[in-house]
Amino acid sequence: MVADTLAGINGELTRYAGMIAQSENKELKSTLKQMRNACEQSQEELYQIAREKSYYVPAAKATDAEVAHVRDLFKQNSL
């Protein structure tokens, strides 16, 4: 249930990013940024509580080799 909630919040953050990028109205853009920031704060608070109570266990950290591999893939595609 916690993972579903976090996934839902992440989806909201993605939608906010899209709306902010497409808005030409500075007042609307500012309001959307405030809403996104509040959403990010809620997501972080829920994440911390879930981690403390072991309701949510994040994926294992990537190895240095995995990070280097992904970095190389992005370098190749950015040319």
N, C-alpha and C. Protein backbone atom coordinates (compact mmCIF):
# COMPACT_ATOMS: atom_id res chain seq x y z
N MET A 1 0.81 -1.18 0.00
CA MET A 1 0.00 0.00 0.00
C MET A 1 0.87 1.26 0.00
N VAL A 2 1.94 1.25 0.78
CA VAL A 2 2.84 2.40 0.83
C VAL A 2 3.53 2.58 -0.52
N ALA A 3 3.96 1.48 -1.11
CA ALA A 3 4.62 1.56 -2.41
C ALA A 3 3.67 2.12 -3.46
N ASP A 4 2.41 1.73 -3.40
CA ASP A 4 1.41 2.26 -4.34
C ASP A 4 1.23 3.76 -4.15
N THR A 5 1.18 4.19 -2.90
CA THR A 5 1.02 5.61 -2.60
C THR A 5 2.22 6.40 -3.11
N LEU A 6 3.43 5.89 -2.85
CA LEU A 6 4.63 6.56 -3.34
C LEU A 6 4.64 6.62 -4.87
N ALA A 7 4.23 5.55 -5.51
CA ALA A 7 4.16 5.54 -6.97
C ALA A 7 3.16 6.57 -7.48
N GLY A 8 2.03 6.69 -6.79
CA GLY A 8 1.04 7.69 -7.17
C GLY A 8 1.57 9.10 -7.04
N ILE A 9 2.27 9.37 -5.94
CA ILE A 9 2.86 10.69 -5.75
C ILE A 9 3.90 10.97 -6.82
N ASN A 10 4.70 9.96 -7.16
CA ASN A 10 5.70 10.15 -8.21
C ASN A 10 5.04 10.47 -9.54
N GLY A 11 3.89 9.87 -9.79
CA GLY A 11 3.15 10.18 -11.01
C GLY A 11 2.67 11.63 -11.00
N GLU A 12 2.20 12.10 -9.84
CA GLU A 12 1.78 13.49 -9.71
C GLU A 12 2.95 14.43 -9.99
N LEU A 13 4.12 14.09 -9.45
CA LEU A 13 5.30 14.93 -9.67
C LEU A 13 5.65 15.01 -11.16
N THR A 14 5.50 13.90 -11.84
CA THR A 14 5.76 13.88 -13.29
C THR A 14 4.78 14.79 -14.02
N ARG A 15 3.51 14.72 -13.62
CA ARG A 15 2.49 15.58 -14.26
C ARG A 15 2.76 17.05 -13.98
N TYR A 16 3.14 17.37 -12.74
CA TYR A 16 3.47 18.77 -12.43
C TYR A 16 4.62 19.26 -13.31
N ALA A 17 5.65 18.44 -13.46
CA ALA A 17 6.80 18.83 -14.28
C ALA A 17 6.36 19.14 -15.71
N GLY A 18 5.49 18.31 -16.25
CA GLY A 18 5.00 18.54 -17.60
C GLY A 18 4.19 19.82 -17.71
N MET A 19 3.33 20.06 -16.74
CA MET A 19 2.50 21.27 -16.77
C MET A 19 3.36 22.52 -16.61
N ILE A 20 4.34 22.47 -15.73
CA ILE A 20 5.23 23.62 -15.52
C ILE A 20 5.98 23.93 -16.81
N ALA A 21 6.49 22.92 -17.45
CA ALA A 21 7.26 23.12 -18.68
C ALA A 21 6.41 23.71 -19.80
N GLN A 22 5.12 23.41 -19.83
CA GLN A 22 4.26 23.85 -20.91
C GLN A 22 3.53 25.16 -20.63
N SER A 23 3.60 25.64 -19.40
CA SER A 23 2.86 26.85 -19.04
C SER A 23 3.62 28.10 -19.46
N GLU A 24 2.92 29.03 -20.08
CA GLU A 24 3.52 30.32 -20.43
C GLU A 24 3.15 31.39 -19.40
N ASN A 25 2.11 31.15 -18.63
CA ASN A 25 1.63 32.10 -17.63
C ASN A 25 2.52 32.01 -16.39
N LYS A 26 3.22 33.10 -16.07
CA LYS A 26 4.18 33.08 -14.97
C LYS A 26 3.50 32.83 -13.62
N GLU A 27 2.31 33.38 -13.43
CA GLU A 27 1.60 33.17 -12.17
C GLU A 27 1.18 31.71 -12.01
N LEU A 28 0.66 31.14 -13.10
CA LEU A 28 0.29 29.72 -13.08
C LEU A 28 1.52 28.85 -12.85
N LYS A 29 2.59 29.18 -13.54
CA LYS A 29 3.83 28.41 -13.40
C LYS A 29 4.32 28.44 -11.95
N SER A 30 4.25 29.61 -11.33
CA SER A 30 4.68 29.75 -9.94
C SER A 30 3.79 28.92 -9.01
N THR A 31 2.49 28.96 -9.24
CA THR A 31 1.56 28.18 -8.43
C THR A 31 1.82 26.69 -8.58
N LEU A 32 2.04 26.26 -9.81
CA LEU A 32 2.33 24.84 -10.06
C LEU A 32 3.62 24.42 -9.37
N LYS A 33 4.62 25.29 -9.38
CA LYS A 33 5.88 24.97 -8.71
C LYS A 33 5.67 24.84 -7.21
N GLN A 34 4.84 25.71 -6.63
CA GLN A 34 4.55 25.60 -5.20
C GLN A 34 3.84 24.29 -4.89
N MET A 35 2.90 23.92 -5.75
CA MET A 35 2.17 22.66 -5.56
C MET A 35 3.12 21.47 -5.71
N ARG A 36 4.02 21.54 -6.68
CA ARG A 36 4.99 20.46 -6.88
C ARG A 36 5.91 20.34 -5.67
N ASN A 37 6.35 21.48 -5.15
CA ASN A 37 7.24 21.46 -3.99
C ASN A 37 6.55 20.84 -2.77
N ALA A 38 5.28 21.17 -2.57
CA ALA A 38 4.53 20.58 -1.46
C ALA A 38 4.37 19.08 -1.66
N CYS A 39 4.14 18.68 -2.89
CA CYS A 39 4.00 17.26 -3.22
C CYS A 39 5.32 16.52 -2.96
N GLU A 40 6.44 17.15 -3.35
CA GLU A 40 7.76 16.55 -3.11
C GLU A 40 8.02 16.39 -1.62
N GLN A 41 7.63 17.40 -0.85
CA GLN A 41 7.83 17.33 0.59
C GLN A 41 7.01 16.19 1.19
N SER A 42 5.76 16.05 0.75
CA SER A 42 4.91 14.96 1.23
C SER A 42 5.52 13.61 0.87
N GLN A 43 6.02 13.50 -0.35
CA GLN A 43 6.62 12.25 -0.80
C GLN A 43 7.82 11.91 0.06
N GLU A 44 8.66 12.89 0.35
CA GLU A 44 9.86 12.65 1.15
C GLU A 44 9.50 12.24 2.57
N GLU A 45 8.49 12.91 3.15
CA GLU A 45 8.07 12.57 4.51
C GLU A 45 7.51 11.14 4.57
N LEU A 46 6.67 10.79 3.62
CA LEU A 46 6.10 9.44 3.58
C LEU A 46 7.21 8.41 3.37
N TYR A 47 8.14 8.72 2.50
CA TYR A 47 9.26 7.81 2.23
C TYR A 47 10.07 7.57 3.51
N GLN A 48 10.37 8.64 4.25
CA GLN A 48 11.17 8.50 5.47
C GLN A 48 10.43 7.67 6.52
N ILE A 49 9.14 7.92 6.69
CA ILE A 49 8.35 7.14 7.65
C ILE A 49 8.31 5.67 7.24
N ALA A 50 8.07 5.44 5.95
CA ALA A 50 8.01 4.05 5.46
C ALA A 50 9.34 3.34 5.64
N ARG A 51 10.45 4.03 5.39
CA ARG A 51 11.77 3.42 5.60
C ARG A 51 12.00 3.09 7.07
N GLU A 52 11.65 4.03 7.95
CA GLU A 52 11.87 3.82 9.39
C GLU A 52 11.08 2.62 9.90
N LYS A 53 9.89 2.40 9.39
CA LYS A 53 9.03 1.32 9.85
C LYS A 53 9.19 0.04 9.01
N SER A 54 10.12 0.09 8.06
CA SER A 54 10.39 -1.04 7.15
C SER A 54 9.18 -1.42 6.31
N TYR A 55 8.30 -0.44 6.05
CA TYR A 55 7.17 -0.68 5.14
C TYR A 55 7.62 -0.61 3.69
N TYR A 56 8.72 0.07 3.48
CA TYR A 56 9.25 0.25 2.13
C TYR A 56 10.74 0.00 2.16
N VAL A 57 11.19 -0.88 1.32
CA VAL A 57 12.61 -1.17 1.23
C VAL A 57 13.05 -0.82 -0.19
N PRO A 58 13.93 0.16 -0.34
CA PRO A 58 14.35 0.57 -1.69
C PRO A 58 15.19 -0.51 -2.36
N ALA A 59 15.28 -0.41 -3.65
CA ALA A 59 16.11 -1.34 -4.41
C ALA A 59 17.57 -1.20 -3.97
N ALA A 60 18.34 -2.23 -4.20
CA ALA A 60 19.76 -2.19 -3.87
C ALA A 60 20.46 -1.09 -4.68
N LYS A 61 21.47 -0.50 -4.07
CA LYS A 61 22.21 0.55 -4.77
C LYS A 61 22.99 -0.04 -5.94
N ALA A 62 23.10 0.76 -6.98
CA ALA A 62 23.84 0.33 -8.16
C ALA A 62 25.33 0.26 -7.84
N THR A 63 25.99 -0.69 -8.45
CA THR A 63 27.44 -0.80 -8.29
C THR A 63 28.11 0.31 -9.10
N ASP A 64 29.38 0.55 -8.82
CA ASP A 64 30.13 1.55 -9.58
C ASP A 64 30.18 1.17 -11.06
N ALA A 65 30.28 -0.12 -11.34
CA ALA A 65 30.33 -0.58 -12.74
C ALA A 65 29.00 -0.29 -13.44
N GLU A 66 27.89 -0.50 -12.74
CA GLU A 66 26.58 -0.24 -13.33
C GLU A 66 26.39 1.25 -13.60
N VAL A 67 26.82 2.07 -12.67
CA VAL A 67 26.72 3.52 -12.85
C VAL A 67 27.56 3.96 -14.03
N ALA A 68 28.77 3.45 -14.12
CA ALA A 68 29.66 3.80 -15.24
C ALA A 68 29.07 3.37 -16.57
N HIS A 69 28.45 2.20 -16.60
CA HIS A 69 27.84 1.69 -17.83
C HIS A 69 26.71 2.63 -18.30
N VAL A 70 25.83 3.02 -17.38
CA VAL A 70 24.73 3.91 -17.74
C VAL A 70 25.25 5.27 -18.16
N ARG A 71 26.26 5.77 -17.46
CA ARG A 71 26.87 7.05 -17.83
C ARG A 71 27.42 6.98 -19.25
N ASP A 72 28.08 5.89 -19.59
CA ASP A 72 28.61 5.72 -20.94
C ASP A 72 27.50 5.69 -21.98
N LEU A 73 26.38 5.04 -21.65
CA LEU A 73 25.26 4.99 -22.59
C LEU A 73 24.71 6.39 -22.87
N PHE A 74 24.61 7.21 -21.84
CA PHE A 74 24.12 8.58 -22.04
C PHE A 74 25.11 9.41 -22.84
N LYS A 75 26.38 9.22 -22.60
CA LYS A 75 27.39 9.96 -23.36
C LYS A 75 27.32 9.61 -24.83
N GLN A 76 27.10 8.34 -25.14
CA GLN A 76 27.02 7.90 -26.53
C GLN A 76 25.79 8.49 -27.23
N ASN A 77 24.68 8.57 -26.51
CA ASN A 77 23.43 9.05 -27.12
C ASN A 77 23.32 10.57 -27.15
N SER A 78 24.18 11.28 -26.45
CA SER A 78 24.05 12.73 -26.43
C SER A 78 24.82 13.41 -27.54
N LEU A 79 25.51 12.65 -28.33
CA LEU A 79 26.29 13.26 -29.42
C LEU A 79 25.47 13.52 -30.64
